[in-house]
Amino acid sequence: MDIEIDYEVDADYITIQKEKSEVAKTIEVDESIILDFDKNGKLIGVEILNASKNLNSSVLKEVL
């Protein structure tokens, strides 16, 4: 699992799969959470917008 942080737009992207897959479908759960799926319907990534407001450091420490 990889986590990319873009501090300019305050967004985190969590890559679920080890191998790189193209996004075939995107679902916006709400204004802050976006899910990316591959062509087989497998979840491949999660984008968290306004990450500093929606996640605190203790949550990230548990995930990592």
PDB file of N, CA and C in Angstrom:
ATOM      1  N   MET A   1       0.848  -1.156   0.000  1.00  0.00           N
ATOM      2  CA  MET A   1       0.000   0.000   0.000  1.00  0.00           C
ATOM      3  C   MET A   1       0.899   1.225   0.000  1.00  0.00           C
ATOM      4  N   ASP A   2       0.602   2.170  -0.875  1.00  0.00           N
ATOM      5  CA  ASP A   2       1.345   3.420  -0.954  1.00  0.00           C
ATOM      6  C   ASP A   2       0.429   4.569  -0.588  1.00  0.00           C
ATOM      7  N   ILE A   3       0.995   5.591   0.032  1.00  0.00           N
ATOM      8  CA  ILE A   3       0.244   6.808   0.332  1.00  0.00           C
ATOM      9  C   ILE A   3       1.002   7.977  -0.255  1.00  0.00           C
ATOM     10  N   GLU A   4       0.318   8.748  -1.101  1.00  0.00           N
ATOM     11  CA  GLU A   4       0.893   9.964  -1.681  1.00  0.00           C
ATOM     12  C   GLU A   4       0.174  11.151  -1.067  1.00  0.00           C
ATOM     13  N   ILE A   5       0.933  12.187  -0.710  1.00  0.00           N
ATOM     14  CA  ILE A   5       0.343  13.376  -0.119  1.00  0.00           C
ATOM     15  C   ILE A   5       0.691  14.570  -1.001  1.00  0.00           C
ATOM     16  N   ASP A   6      -0.334  15.307  -1.411  1.00  0.00           N
ATOM     17  CA  ASP A   6      -0.153  16.520  -2.196  1.00  0.00           C
ATOM     18  C   ASP A   6      -0.499  17.693  -1.281  1.00  0.00           C
ATOM     19  N   TYR A   7       0.522  18.349  -0.738  1.00  0.00           N
ATOM     20  CA  TYR A   7       0.304  19.410   0.234  1.00  0.00           C
ATOM     21  C   TYR A   7      -0.298  20.668  -0.387  1.00  0.00           C
ATOM     22  N   GLU A   8      -0.109  20.857  -1.691  1.00  0.00           N
ATOM     23  CA  GLU A   8      -0.658  22.049  -2.330  1.00  0.00           C
ATOM     24  C   GLU A   8      -2.177  22.031  -2.355  1.00  0.00           C
ATOM     25  N   VAL A   9      -2.765  20.864  -2.576  1.00  0.00           N
ATOM     26  CA  VAL A   9      -4.229  20.766  -2.605  1.00  0.00           C
ATOM     27  C   VAL A   9      -4.774  20.057  -1.372  1.00  0.00           C
ATOM     28  N   ASP A  10      -3.908  19.734  -0.418  1.00  0.00           N
ATOM     29  CA  ASP A  10      -4.290  19.076   0.833  1.00  0.00           C
ATOM     30  C   ASP A  10      -5.077  17.799   0.553  1.00  0.00           C
ATOM     31  N   ALA A  11      -4.459  16.911  -0.218  1.00  0.00           N
ATOM     32  CA  ALA A  11      -5.109  15.647  -0.573  1.00  0.00           C
ATOM     33  C   ALA A  11      -4.155  14.480  -0.351  1.00  0.00           C
ATOM     34  N   ASP A  12      -4.713  13.373   0.102  1.00  0.00           N
ATOM     35  CA  ASP A  12      -3.966  12.123   0.238  1.00  0.00           C
ATOM     36  C   ASP A  12      -4.541  11.127  -0.757  1.00  0.00           C
ATOM     37  N   TYR A  13      -3.669  10.300  -1.338  1.00  0.00           N
ATOM     38  CA  TYR A  13      -4.128   9.231  -2.218  1.00  0.00           C
ATOM     39  C   TYR A  13      -3.525   7.930  -1.725  1.00  0.00           C
ATOM     40  N   ILE A  14      -4.374   6.986  -1.388  1.00  0.00           N
ATOM     41  CA  ILE A  14      -3.931   5.683  -0.889  1.00  0.00           C
ATOM     42  C   ILE A  14      -4.102   4.675  -2.009  1.00  0.00           C
ATOM     43  N   THR A  15      -2.990   4.094  -2.459  1.00  0.00           N
ATOM     44  CA  THR A  15      -3.014   3.073  -3.495  1.00  0.00           C
ATOM     45  C   THR A  15      -3.174   1.723  -2.822  1.00  0.00           C
ATOM     46  N   ILE A  16      -4.200   0.977  -3.232  1.00  0.00           N
ATOM     47  CA  ILE A  16      -4.524  -0.295  -2.592  1.00  0.00           C
ATOM     48  C   ILE A  16      -3.748  -1.453  -3.222  1.00  0.00           C
ATOM     49  N   GLN A  17      -3.638  -1.485  -4.546  1.00  0.00           N
ATOM     50  CA  GLN A  17      -2.973  -2.581  -5.251  1.00  0.00           C
ATOM     51  C   GLN A  17      -1.490  -2.309  -5.407  1.00  0.00           C
ATOM     52  N   LYS A  18      -0.696  -3.380  -5.411  1.00  0.00           N
ATOM     53  CA  LYS A  18       0.741  -3.234  -5.617  1.00  0.00           C
ATOM     54  C   LYS A  18       1.058  -2.926  -7.076  1.00  0.00           C
ATOM     55  N   GLU A  19       0.411  -3.649  -7.991  1.00  0.00           N
ATOM     56  CA  GLU A  19       0.661  -3.400  -9.407  1.00  0.00           C
ATOM     57  C   GLU A  19      -0.164  -2.203  -9.872  1.00  0.00           C
ATOM     58  N   LYS A  20       0.388  -1.458 -10.803  1.00  0.00           N
ATOM     59  CA  LYS A  20      -0.266  -0.254 -11.303  1.00  0.00           C
ATOM     60  C   LYS A  20      -1.425  -0.638 -12.213  1.00  0.00           C
ATOM     61  N   SER A  21      -2.593  -0.088 -11.960  1.00  0.00           N
ATOM     62  CA  SER A  21      -3.775  -0.326 -12.781  1.00  0.00           C
ATOM     63  C   SER A  21      -4.355   1.009 -13.206  1.00  0.00           C
ATOM     64  N   GLU A  22      -5.018   1.001 -14.353  1.00  0.00           N
ATOM     65  CA  GLU A  22      -5.691   2.211 -14.809  1.00  0.00           C
ATOM     66  C   GLU A  22      -7.055   2.323 -14.148  1.00  0.00           C
ATOM     67  N   VAL A  23      -7.427   3.529 -13.842  1.00  0.00           N
ATOM     68  CA  VAL A  23      -8.737   3.784 -13.247  1.00  0.00           C
ATOM     69  C   VAL A  23      -9.796   3.670 -14.342  1.00  0.00           C
ATOM     70  N   ALA A  24     -10.779   2.803 -14.113  1.00  0.00           N
ATOM     71  CA  ALA A  24     -11.873   2.626 -15.066  1.00  0.00           C
ATOM     72  C   ALA A  24     -13.164   3.279 -14.575  1.00  0.00           C
ATOM     73  N   LYS A  25     -13.286   3.408 -13.254  1.00  0.00           N
ATOM     74  CA  LYS A  25     -14.500   3.974 -12.683  1.00  0.00           C
ATOM     75  C   LYS A  25     -14.147   4.713 -11.402  1.00  0.00           C
ATOM     76  N   THR A  26     -14.793   5.844 -11.191  1.00  0.00           N
ATOM     77  CA  THR A  26     -14.588   6.646  -9.995  1.00  0.00           C
ATOM     78  C   THR A  26     -15.934   6.899  -9.336  1.00  0.00           C
ATOM     79  N   ILE A  27     -15.978   6.720  -8.028  1.00  0.00           N
ATOM     80  CA  ILE A  27     -17.198   7.002  -7.269  1.00  0.00           C
ATOM     81  C   ILE A  27     -16.874   8.044  -6.214  1.00  0.00           C
ATOM     82  N   GLU A  28     -17.636   9.118  -6.211  1.00  0.00           N
ATOM     83  CA  GLU A  28     -17.471  10.150  -5.196  1.00  0.00           C
ATOM     84  C   GLU A  28     -18.412   9.814  -4.042  1.00  0.00           C
ATOM     85  N   VAL A  29     -17.835   9.392  -2.925  1.00  0.00           N
ATOM     86  CA  VAL A  29     -18.624   9.006  -1.758  1.00  0.00           C
ATOM     87  C   VAL A  29     -19.254  10.238  -1.127  1.00  0.00           C
ATOM     88  N   ASP A  30     -18.456  11.268  -0.980  1.00  0.00           N
ATOM     89  CA  ASP A  30     -18.932  12.575  -0.536  1.00  0.00           C
ATOM     90  C   ASP A  30     -17.946  13.617  -1.056  1.00  0.00           C
ATOM     91  N   GLU A  31     -18.015  14.824  -0.565  1.00  0.00           N
ATOM     92  CA  GLU A  31     -17.140  15.891  -1.065  1.00  0.00           C
ATOM     93  C   GLU A  31     -15.674  15.642  -0.786  1.00  0.00           C
ATOM     94  N   SER A  32     -15.369  14.749   0.137  1.00  0.00           N
ATOM     95  CA  SER A  32     -13.988  14.543   0.555  1.00  0.00           C
ATOM     96  C   SER A  32     -13.401  13.188   0.196  1.00  0.00           C
ATOM     97  N   ILE A  33     -14.228  12.208  -0.129  1.00  0.00           N
ATOM     98  CA  ILE A  33     -13.756  10.842  -0.362  1.00  0.00           C
ATOM     99  C   ILE A  33     -14.097  10.399  -1.781  1.00  0.00           C
ATOM    100  N   ILE A  34     -13.066   9.983  -2.533  1.00  0.00           N
ATOM    101  CA  ILE A  34     -13.244   9.512  -3.907  1.00  0.00           C
ATOM    102  C   ILE A  34     -12.604   8.129  -4.013  1.00  0.00           C
ATOM    103  N   LEU A  35     -13.359   7.169  -4.548  1.00  0.00           N
ATOM    104  CA  LEU A  35     -12.871   5.802  -4.712  1.00  0.00           C
ATOM    105  C   LEU A  35     -12.593   5.527  -6.180  1.00  0.00           C
ATOM    106  N   ASP A  36     -11.458   4.909  -6.478  1.00  0.00           N
ATOM    107  CA  ASP A  36     -11.084   4.531  -7.844  1.00  0.00           C
ATOM    108  C   ASP A  36     -11.104   3.012  -7.974  1.00  0.00           C
ATOM    109  N   PHE A  37     -11.690   2.521  -9.087  1.00  0.00           N
ATOM    110  CA  PHE A  37     -11.795   1.095  -9.356  1.00  0.00           C
ATOM    111  C   PHE A  37     -11.168   0.768 -10.704  1.00  0.00           C
ATOM    112  N   ASP A  38     -10.627  -0.456 -10.842  1.00  0.00           N
ATOM    113  CA  ASP A  38     -10.074  -0.886 -12.127  1.00  0.00           C
ATOM    114  C   ASP A  38     -11.192  -1.465 -12.997  1.00  0.00           C
ATOM    115  N   LYS A  39     -10.835  -1.976 -14.181  1.00  0.00           N
ATOM    116  CA  LYS A  39     -11.832  -2.485 -15.123  1.00  0.00           C
ATOM    117  C   LYS A  39     -12.559  -3.720 -14.608  1.00  0.00           C
ATOM    118  N   ASN A  40     -11.985  -4.401 -13.598  1.00  0.00           N
ATOM    119  CA  ASN A  40     -12.613  -5.582 -13.008  1.00  0.00           C
ATOM    120  C   ASN A  40     -13.456  -5.247 -11.777  1.00  0.00           C
ATOM    121  N   GLY A  41     -13.548  -3.968 -11.462  1.00  0.00           N
ATOM    122  CA  GLY A  41     -14.342  -3.535 -10.323  1.00  0.00           C
ATOM    123  C   GLY A  41     -13.636  -3.600  -8.991  1.00  0.00           C
ATOM    124  N   LYS A  42     -12.317  -3.853  -9.012  1.00  0.00           N
ATOM    125  CA  LYS A  42     -11.544  -3.912  -7.767  1.00  0.00           C
ATOM    126  C   LYS A  42     -11.138  -2.504  -7.345  1.00  0.00           C
ATOM    127  N   LEU A  43     -11.265  -2.234  -6.059  1.00  0.00           N
ATOM    128  CA  LEU A  43     -10.834  -0.953  -5.515  1.00  0.00           C
ATOM    129  C   LEU A  43      -9.322  -0.845  -5.627  1.00  0.00           C
ATOM    130  N   ILE A  44      -8.841   0.210  -6.279  1.00  0.00           N
ATOM    131  CA  ILE A  44      -7.397   0.373  -6.447  1.00  0.00           C
ATOM    132  C   ILE A  44      -6.851   1.612  -5.745  1.00  0.00           C
ATOM    133  N   GLY A  45      -7.740   2.530  -5.359  1.00  0.00           N
ATOM    134  CA  GLY A  45      -7.246   3.721  -4.693  1.00  0.00           C
ATOM    135  C   GLY A  45      -8.337   4.520  -4.020  1.00  0.00           C
ATOM    136  N   VAL A  46      -7.929   5.280  -3.014  1.00  0.00           N
ATOM    137  CA  VAL A  46      -8.832   6.151  -2.271  1.00  0.00           C
ATOM    138  C   VAL A  46      -8.189   7.524  -2.192  1.00  0.00           C
ATOM    139  N   GLU A  47      -8.920   8.542  -2.620  1.00  0.00           N
ATOM    140  CA  GLU A  47      -8.430   9.910  -2.513  1.00  0.00           C
ATOM    141  C   GLU A  47      -9.200  10.606  -1.403  1.00  0.00           C
ATOM    142  N   ILE A  48      -8.478  11.278  -0.515  1.00  0.00           N
ATOM    143  CA  ILE A  48      -9.080  11.998   0.593  1.00  0.00           C
ATOM    144  C   ILE A  48      -8.726  13.468   0.422  1.00  0.00           C
ATOM    145  N   LEU A  49      -9.725  14.262   0.064  1.00  0.00           N
ATOM    146  CA  LEU A  49      -9.521  15.692  -0.110  1.00  0.00           C
ATOM    147  C   LEU A  49      -9.624  16.394   1.240  1.00  0.00           C
ATOM    148  N   ASN A  50      -8.986  17.544   1.350  1.00  0.00           N
ATOM    149  CA  ASN A  50      -8.941  18.273   2.624  1.00  0.00           C
ATOM    150  C   ASN A  50      -8.476  17.344   3.739  1.00  0.00           C
ATOM    151  N   ALA A  51      -7.413  16.629   3.448  1.00  0.00           N
ATOM    152  CA  ALA A  51      -6.947  15.566   4.332  1.00  0.00           C
ATOM    153  C   ALA A  51      -6.625  16.064   5.740  1.00  0.00           C
ATOM    154  N   SER A  52      -6.061  17.227   5.863  1.00  0.00           N
ATOM    155  CA  SER A  52      -5.700  17.707   7.200  1.00  0.00           C
ATOM    156  C   SER A  52      -6.932  17.950   8.066  1.00  0.00           C
ATOM    157  N   LYS A  53      -8.078  18.191   7.442  1.00  0.00           N
ATOM    158  CA  LYS A  53      -9.317  18.383   8.199  1.00  0.00           C
ATOM    159  C   LYS A  53     -10.010  17.051   8.462  1.00  0.00           C
ATOM    160  N   ASN A  54      -9.852  16.087   7.548  1.00  0.00           N
ATOM    161  CA  ASN A  54     -10.571  14.821   7.643  1.00  0.00           C
ATOM    162  C   ASN A  54      -9.795  13.692   8.302  1.00  0.00           C
ATOM    163  N   LEU A  55      -8.493  13.830   8.372  1.00  0.00           N
ATOM    164  CA  LEU A  55      -7.644  12.816   9.008  1.00  0.00           C
ATOM    165  C   LEU A  55      -6.744  13.490  10.020  1.00  0.00           C
ATOM    166  N   ASN A  56      -6.508  12.816  11.108  1.00  0.00           N
ATOM    167  CA  ASN A  56      -5.510  13.335  12.034  1.00  0.00           C
ATOM    168  C   ASN A  56      -4.317  12.391  12.021  1.00  0.00           C
ATOM    169  N   SER A  57      -3.236  12.804  12.580  1.00  0.00           N
ATOM    170  CA  SER A  57      -2.000  12.022  12.516  1.00  0.00           C
ATOM    171  C   SER A  57      -2.139  10.661  13.181  1.00  0.00           C
ATOM    172  N   SER A  58      -2.963  10.527  14.200  1.00  0.00           N
ATOM    173  CA  SER A  58      -3.118   9.233  14.868  1.00  0.00           C
ATOM    174  C   SER A  58      -3.785   8.210  13.953  1.00  0.00           C
ATOM    175  N   VAL A  59      -4.684   8.650  13.075  1.00  0.00           N
ATOM    176  CA  VAL A  59      -5.314   7.743  12.120  1.00  0.00           C
ATOM    177  C   VAL A  59      -4.265   7.232  11.133  1.00  0.00           C
ATOM    178  N   LEU A  60      -3.450   8.112  10.607  1.00  0.00           N
ATOM    179  CA  LEU A  60      -2.420   7.701   9.656  1.00  0.00           C
ATOM    180  C   LEU A  60      -1.399   6.775  10.295  1.00  0.00           C
ATOM    181  N   LYS A  61      -1.044   6.991  11.535  1.00  0.00           N
ATOM    182  CA  LYS A  61      -0.091   6.129  12.222  1.00  0.00           C
ATOM    183  C   LYS A  61      -0.629   4.705  12.352  1.00  0.00           C
ATOM    184  N   GLU A  62      -1.933   4.571  12.579  1.00  0.00           N
ATOM    185  CA  GLU A  62      -2.547   3.251  12.685  1.00  0.00           C
ATOM    186  C   GLU A  62      -2.540   2.536  11.350  1.00  0.00           C
ATOM    187  N   VAL A  63      -2.764   3.264  10.269  1.00  0.00           N
ATOM    188  CA  VAL A  63      -2.797   2.679   8.926  1.00  0.00           C
ATOM    189  C   VAL A  63      -1.401   2.269   8.492  1.00  0.00           C
ATOM    190  N   LEU A  64      -0.424   3.087   8.753  1.00  0.00           N
ATOM    191  CA  LEU A  64       0.931   2.811   8.321  1.00  0.00           C
ATOM    192  C   LEU A  64       1.577   1.850   9.284  1.00  0.00           C
TER     193      LEU A  64
END
